[in-house]
Amino acid sequence: MVTYSAVNGKIYNPHNLQILDHEEMQYLPCFQALANIFNSQNYEICIKREDFGRMLFVGVLNKNSLVAVKIYLVYACVPIDDPINVNVLQAAINHFQSGVREDLVLNRRV
């Protein structure tokens, strides 16, 4: 069974990896790294496609504040190099700790 989050993405569950498609499985280490940092009691990790499949991102949602961090893995059909790097992780952590009520988007190419 696939569970969907409030943002209509697949909820990452390390015990139910068969919900991930081939492309998403390539990013399993990214999902695992986020799950190790953001515990499932307070955070929900979801995977979603946008723009007719040309974008793939992972979202981290704080269940209490409903503030999210959206991290692109693929943007405009181009994979992001090292999408879950130290700077991205620190930016996400800082955002949640800051108390800001707006969502944050990382790895967006402009």
N, C-alpha and C. Protein backbone atom coordinates (compact mmCIF):
# COMPACT_ATOMS: atom_id res chain seq x y z
N MET A 1 0.84 -1.18 0.00
CA MET A 1 0.00 0.00 0.00
C MET A 1 0.89 1.24 0.00
N VAL A 2 0.57 2.21 -0.84
CA VAL A 2 1.28 3.47 -0.90
C VAL A 2 0.54 4.47 -0.05
N THR A 3 1.25 5.12 0.85
CA THR A 3 0.66 6.15 1.67
C THR A 3 1.08 7.50 1.12
N TYR A 4 0.15 8.43 1.04
CA TYR A 4 0.45 9.76 0.51
C TYR A 4 0.37 10.79 1.62
N SER A 5 1.25 11.77 1.53
CA SER A 5 1.30 12.81 2.54
C SER A 5 0.33 13.93 2.21
N ALA A 6 0.33 14.93 3.07
CA ALA A 6 -0.53 16.10 2.87
C ALA A 6 -0.16 16.86 1.60
N VAL A 7 1.07 16.71 1.13
CA VAL A 7 1.47 17.38 -0.10
C VAL A 7 1.37 16.43 -1.30
N ASN A 8 0.63 15.35 -1.13
CA ASN A 8 0.34 14.40 -2.20
C ASN A 8 1.55 13.65 -2.72
N GLY A 9 2.56 13.50 -1.93
CA GLY A 9 3.72 12.69 -2.31
C GLY A 9 3.67 11.36 -1.60
N LYS A 10 4.47 10.43 -2.08
CA LYS A 10 4.59 9.13 -1.41
C LYS A 10 5.34 9.35 -0.11
N ILE A 11 4.83 8.81 0.97
CA ILE A 11 5.52 8.91 2.25
C ILE A 11 6.62 7.85 2.29
N TYR A 12 7.84 8.30 2.57
CA TYR A 12 8.97 7.38 2.65
C TYR A 12 8.82 6.50 3.88
N ASN A 13 8.93 5.21 3.66
CA ASN A 13 8.86 4.23 4.73
C ASN A 13 9.98 3.22 4.49
N PRO A 14 11.00 3.19 5.34
CA PRO A 14 12.12 2.28 5.12
C PRO A 14 11.72 0.81 5.13
N HIS A 15 10.52 0.50 5.63
CA HIS A 15 10.06 -0.88 5.69
C HIS A 15 9.15 -1.24 4.51
N ASN A 16 8.97 -0.29 3.58
CA ASN A 16 8.09 -0.52 2.43
C ASN A 16 8.70 0.13 1.18
N LEU A 17 9.89 -0.32 0.81
CA LEU A 17 10.62 0.28 -0.30
C LEU A 17 10.05 -0.08 -1.67
N GLN A 18 9.16 -1.08 -1.75
CA GLN A 18 8.61 -1.46 -3.04
C GLN A 18 7.73 -0.36 -3.63
N ILE A 19 7.36 0.65 -2.85
CA ILE A 19 6.56 1.76 -3.40
C ILE A 19 7.40 2.68 -4.28
N LEU A 20 8.73 2.58 -4.16
CA LEU A 20 9.61 3.46 -4.93
C LEU A 20 9.82 2.90 -6.33
N ASP A 21 9.75 3.79 -7.33
CA ASP A 21 10.02 3.34 -8.70
C ASP A 21 11.53 3.31 -8.94
N HIS A 22 11.94 2.94 -10.14
CA HIS A 22 13.36 2.76 -10.45
C HIS A 22 14.16 4.05 -10.21
N GLU A 23 13.66 5.16 -10.71
CA GLU A 23 14.39 6.43 -10.53
C GLU A 23 14.47 6.81 -9.05
N GLU A 24 13.38 6.66 -8.34
CA GLU A 24 13.37 6.99 -6.92
C GLU A 24 14.33 6.11 -6.13
N MET A 25 14.45 4.85 -6.51
CA MET A 25 15.37 3.94 -5.80
C MET A 25 16.82 4.42 -5.90
N GLN A 26 17.15 5.13 -6.97
CA GLN A 26 18.50 5.67 -7.10
C GLN A 26 18.82 6.66 -5.98
N TYR A 27 17.78 7.26 -5.42
CA TYR A 27 17.95 8.27 -4.38
C TYR A 27 17.72 7.71 -2.98
N LEU A 28 17.67 6.41 -2.86
CA LEU A 28 17.46 5.78 -1.55
C LEU A 28 18.44 6.28 -0.50
N PRO A 29 19.74 6.41 -0.81
CA PRO A 29 20.67 6.94 0.22
C PRO A 29 20.28 8.35 0.70
N CYS A 30 19.69 9.14 -0.19
CA CYS A 30 19.23 10.48 0.21
C CYS A 30 18.08 10.38 1.20
N PHE A 31 17.12 9.51 0.90
CA PHE A 31 15.97 9.34 1.79
C PHE A 31 16.43 8.80 3.15
N GLN A 32 17.37 7.87 3.12
CA GLN A 32 17.87 7.29 4.36
C GLN A 32 18.61 8.34 5.20
N ALA A 33 19.40 9.19 4.55
CA ALA A 33 20.11 10.25 5.27
C ALA A 33 19.13 11.20 5.94
N LEU A 34 18.09 11.58 5.22
CA LEU A 34 17.09 12.48 5.80
C LEU A 34 16.35 11.81 6.96
N ALA A 35 16.02 10.53 6.79
CA ALA A 35 15.31 9.80 7.85
C ALA A 35 16.17 9.67 9.11
N ASN A 36 17.49 9.60 8.93
CA ASN A 36 18.38 9.53 10.10
C ASN A 36 18.46 10.84 10.85
N ILE A 37 18.25 11.93 10.16
CA ILE A 37 18.34 13.26 10.79
C ILE A 37 16.99 13.72 11.32
N PHE A 38 15.94 13.49 10.54
CA PHE A 38 14.60 13.97 10.90
C PHE A 38 13.75 12.77 11.32
N ASN A 39 13.54 12.62 12.62
CA ASN A 39 12.84 11.43 13.14
C ASN A 39 11.38 11.40 12.72
N SER A 40 10.85 10.20 12.60
CA SER A 40 9.50 10.01 12.10
C SER A 40 8.42 10.44 13.08
N GLN A 41 8.78 10.65 14.34
CA GLN A 41 7.79 11.13 15.30
C GLN A 41 7.40 12.57 15.01
N ASN A 42 8.38 13.37 14.59
CA ASN A 42 8.14 14.80 14.38
C ASN A 42 8.13 15.22 12.92
N TYR A 43 8.65 14.37 12.04
CA TYR A 43 8.79 14.75 10.64
C TYR A 43 8.25 13.66 9.72
N GLU A 44 7.77 14.08 8.57
CA GLU A 44 7.31 13.17 7.55
C GLU A 44 8.16 13.43 6.30
N ILE A 45 8.68 12.40 5.70
CA ILE A 45 9.49 12.53 4.49
C ILE A 45 8.67 11.99 3.33
N CYS A 46 8.50 12.81 2.31
CA CYS A 46 7.71 12.38 1.16
C CYS A 46 8.49 12.61 -0.13
N ILE A 47 8.10 11.87 -1.14
CA ILE A 47 8.74 11.91 -2.44
C ILE A 47 7.66 12.26 -3.46
N LYS A 48 7.97 13.22 -4.32
CA LYS A 48 6.94 13.67 -5.26
C LYS A 48 7.57 14.10 -6.58
N ARG A 49 6.79 13.93 -7.64
CA ARG A 49 7.16 14.42 -8.97
C ARG A 49 6.28 15.62 -9.30
N GLU A 50 6.85 16.54 -10.08
CA GLU A 50 6.12 17.71 -10.54
C GLU A 50 6.41 17.94 -12.01
N ASP A 51 5.67 18.85 -12.60
CA ASP A 51 5.93 19.30 -13.96
C ASP A 51 6.01 18.13 -14.94
N PHE A 52 4.97 17.29 -14.90
CA PHE A 52 4.88 16.14 -15.81
C PHE A 52 6.08 15.21 -15.70
N GLY A 53 6.59 15.04 -14.48
CA GLY A 53 7.69 14.13 -14.22
C GLY A 53 9.07 14.70 -14.45
N ARG A 54 9.15 15.98 -14.84
CA ARG A 54 10.46 16.59 -15.09
C ARG A 54 11.16 17.02 -13.81
N MET A 55 10.44 17.02 -12.71
CA MET A 55 11.00 17.39 -11.42
C MET A 55 10.76 16.25 -10.44
N LEU A 56 11.74 15.98 -9.61
CA LEU A 56 11.61 15.01 -8.53
C LEU A 56 12.17 15.67 -7.29
N PHE A 57 11.39 15.65 -6.22
CA PHE A 57 11.89 16.23 -4.98
C PHE A 57 11.52 15.37 -3.80
N VAL A 58 12.23 15.60 -2.73
CA VAL A 58 11.90 14.99 -1.45
C VAL A 58 11.51 16.15 -0.53
N GLY A 59 10.42 15.96 0.17
CA GLY A 59 9.95 16.98 1.11
C GLY A 59 10.06 16.47 2.53
N VAL A 60 10.45 17.36 3.41
CA VAL A 60 10.50 17.05 4.84
C VAL A 60 9.49 17.98 5.50
N LEU A 61 8.49 17.41 6.13
CA LEU A 61 7.42 18.18 6.76
C LEU A 61 7.49 18.03 8.27
N ASN A 62 7.55 19.16 8.96
CA ASN A 62 7.46 19.15 10.41
C ASN A 62 5.99 18.95 10.76
N LYS A 63 5.65 17.84 11.38
CA LYS A 63 4.26 17.50 11.67
C LYS A 63 3.61 18.47 12.65
N ASN A 64 4.40 19.11 13.51
CA ASN A 64 3.84 20.03 14.50
C ASN A 64 3.57 21.41 13.92
N SER A 65 4.55 21.97 13.22
CA SER A 65 4.40 23.33 12.70
C SER A 65 3.83 23.35 11.28
N LEU A 66 3.83 22.20 10.60
CA LEU A 66 3.41 22.07 9.21
C LEU A 66 4.27 22.90 8.26
N VAL A 67 5.48 23.20 8.69
CA VAL A 67 6.47 23.87 7.84
C VAL A 67 7.24 22.77 7.12
N ALA A 68 7.54 23.01 5.84
CA ALA A 68 8.21 22.00 5.03
C ALA A 68 9.49 22.54 4.40
N VAL A 69 10.39 21.62 4.12
CA VAL A 69 11.58 21.90 3.31
C VAL A 69 11.48 20.97 2.10
N LYS A 70 11.54 21.57 0.94
CA LYS A 70 11.45 20.85 -0.33
C LYS A 70 12.85 20.83 -0.95
N ILE A 71 13.36 19.65 -1.21
CA ILE A 71 14.72 19.50 -1.75
C ILE A 71 14.63 18.81 -3.11
N TYR A 72 14.97 19.55 -4.15
CA TYR A 72 14.95 18.96 -5.49
C TYR A 72 16.09 17.97 -5.66
N LEU A 73 15.76 16.83 -6.27
CA LEU A 73 16.73 15.81 -6.63
C LEU A 73 16.98 15.84 -8.14
N VAL A 74 15.91 16.12 -8.88
CA VAL A 74 15.97 16.29 -10.33
C VAL A 74 15.19 17.56 -10.64
N TYR A 75 15.79 18.46 -11.41
CA TYR A 75 15.12 19.72 -11.77
C TYR A 75 15.20 19.88 -13.28
N ALA A 76 14.04 20.00 -13.92
CA ALA A 76 13.94 20.14 -15.37
C ALA A 76 14.68 18.99 -16.08
N CYS A 77 14.45 17.79 -15.63
CA CYS A 77 15.04 16.55 -16.19
C CYS A 77 16.53 16.41 -15.95
N VAL A 78 17.13 17.32 -15.19
CA VAL A 78 18.57 17.27 -14.92
C VAL A 78 18.79 16.87 -13.47
N PRO A 79 19.45 15.73 -13.23
CA PRO A 79 19.73 15.34 -11.85
C PRO A 79 20.65 16.37 -11.16
N ILE A 80 20.35 16.63 -9.90
CA ILE A 80 21.17 17.54 -9.10
C ILE A 80 22.36 16.74 -8.57
N ASP A 81 23.55 17.28 -8.77
CA ASP A 81 24.75 16.62 -8.22
C ASP A 81 24.73 16.73 -6.71
N ASP A 82 24.92 15.61 -6.04
CA ASP A 82 24.98 15.55 -4.57
C ASP A 82 23.85 16.37 -3.94
N PRO A 83 22.60 15.97 -4.17
CA PRO A 83 21.45 16.79 -3.75
C PRO A 83 21.29 16.92 -2.24
N ILE A 84 21.76 15.94 -1.48
CA ILE A 84 21.62 15.99 -0.02
C ILE A 84 23.03 16.13 0.56
N ASN A 85 23.65 17.27 0.29
CA ASN A 85 25.00 17.50 0.79
C ASN A 85 24.95 18.20 2.15
N VAL A 86 26.10 18.42 2.74
CA VAL A 86 26.18 19.00 4.08
C VAL A 86 25.50 20.36 4.13
N ASN A 87 25.69 21.18 3.11
CA ASN A 87 25.09 22.52 3.10
C ASN A 87 23.57 22.46 3.03
N VAL A 88 23.05 21.54 2.23
CA VAL A 88 21.60 21.37 2.11
C VAL A 88 21.03 20.88 3.44
N LEU A 89 21.67 19.88 4.03
CA LEU A 89 21.20 19.37 5.32
C LEU A 89 21.21 20.46 6.39
N GLN A 90 22.28 21.23 6.44
CA GLN A 90 22.38 22.28 7.45
C GLN A 90 21.33 23.37 7.23
N ALA A 91 21.07 23.70 5.97
CA ALA A 91 20.04 24.70 5.66
C ALA A 91 18.66 24.20 6.12
N ALA A 92 18.38 22.92 5.91
CA ALA A 92 17.10 22.36 6.34
C ALA A 92 16.98 22.37 7.87
N ILE A 93 18.02 21.94 8.53
CA ILE A 93 18.02 21.93 10.01
C ILE A 93 17.83 23.34 10.54
N ASN A 94 18.60 24.28 10.00
CA ASN A 94 18.50 25.68 10.44
C ASN A 94 17.11 26.24 10.21
N HIS A 95 16.50 25.88 9.09
CA HIS A 95 15.17 26.39 8.79
C HIS A 95 14.15 25.92 9.83
N PHE A 96 14.20 24.64 10.15
CA PHE A 96 13.26 24.13 11.15
C PHE A 96 13.52 24.72 12.53
N GLN A 97 14.77 24.96 12.87
CA GLN A 97 15.10 25.52 14.18
C GLN A 97 14.81 27.01 14.27
N SER A 98 14.69 27.69 13.14
CA SER A 98 14.53 29.14 13.13
C SER A 98 13.16 29.62 13.58
N GLY A 99 12.16 28.77 13.46
CA GLY A 99 10.81 29.19 13.82
C GLY A 99 10.09 29.90 12.69
N VAL A 100 10.72 30.03 11.54
CA VAL A 100 10.08 30.64 10.37
C VAL A 100 8.88 29.80 9.97
N ARG A 101 7.79 30.44 9.63
CA ARG A 101 6.54 29.72 9.31
C ARG A 101 6.37 29.46 7.81
N GLU A 102 7.34 29.85 7.01
CA GLU A 102 7.25 29.64 5.57
C GLU A 102 8.07 28.41 5.17
N ASP A 103 7.67 27.79 4.08
CA ASP A 103 8.41 26.64 3.57
C ASP A 103 9.70 27.11 2.89
N LEU A 104 10.64 26.20 2.80
CA LEU A 104 11.93 26.48 2.17
C LEU A 104 12.11 25.53 0.99
N VAL A 105 12.64 26.05 -0.13
CA VAL A 105 12.93 25.24 -1.30
C VAL A 105 14.43 25.27 -1.54
N LEU A 106 15.03 24.08 -1.67
CA LEU A 106 16.47 23.96 -1.89
C LEU A 106 16.74 23.25 -3.21
N ASN A 107 17.88 23.56 -3.80
CA ASN A 107 18.35 22.96 -5.07
C ASN A 107 17.51 23.36 -6.27
N ARG A 108 16.79 24.48 -6.17
CA ARG A 108 16.02 24.96 -7.33
C ARG A 108 16.98 25.67 -8.28
N ARG A 109 16.95 25.27 -9.50
CA ARG A 109 17.80 25.90 -10.51
C ARG A 109 17.04 27.07 -11.13
N VAL A 110 17.71 28.19 -11.25
CA VAL A 110 17.08 29.37 -11.86
C VAL A 110 17.85 29.86 -13.04
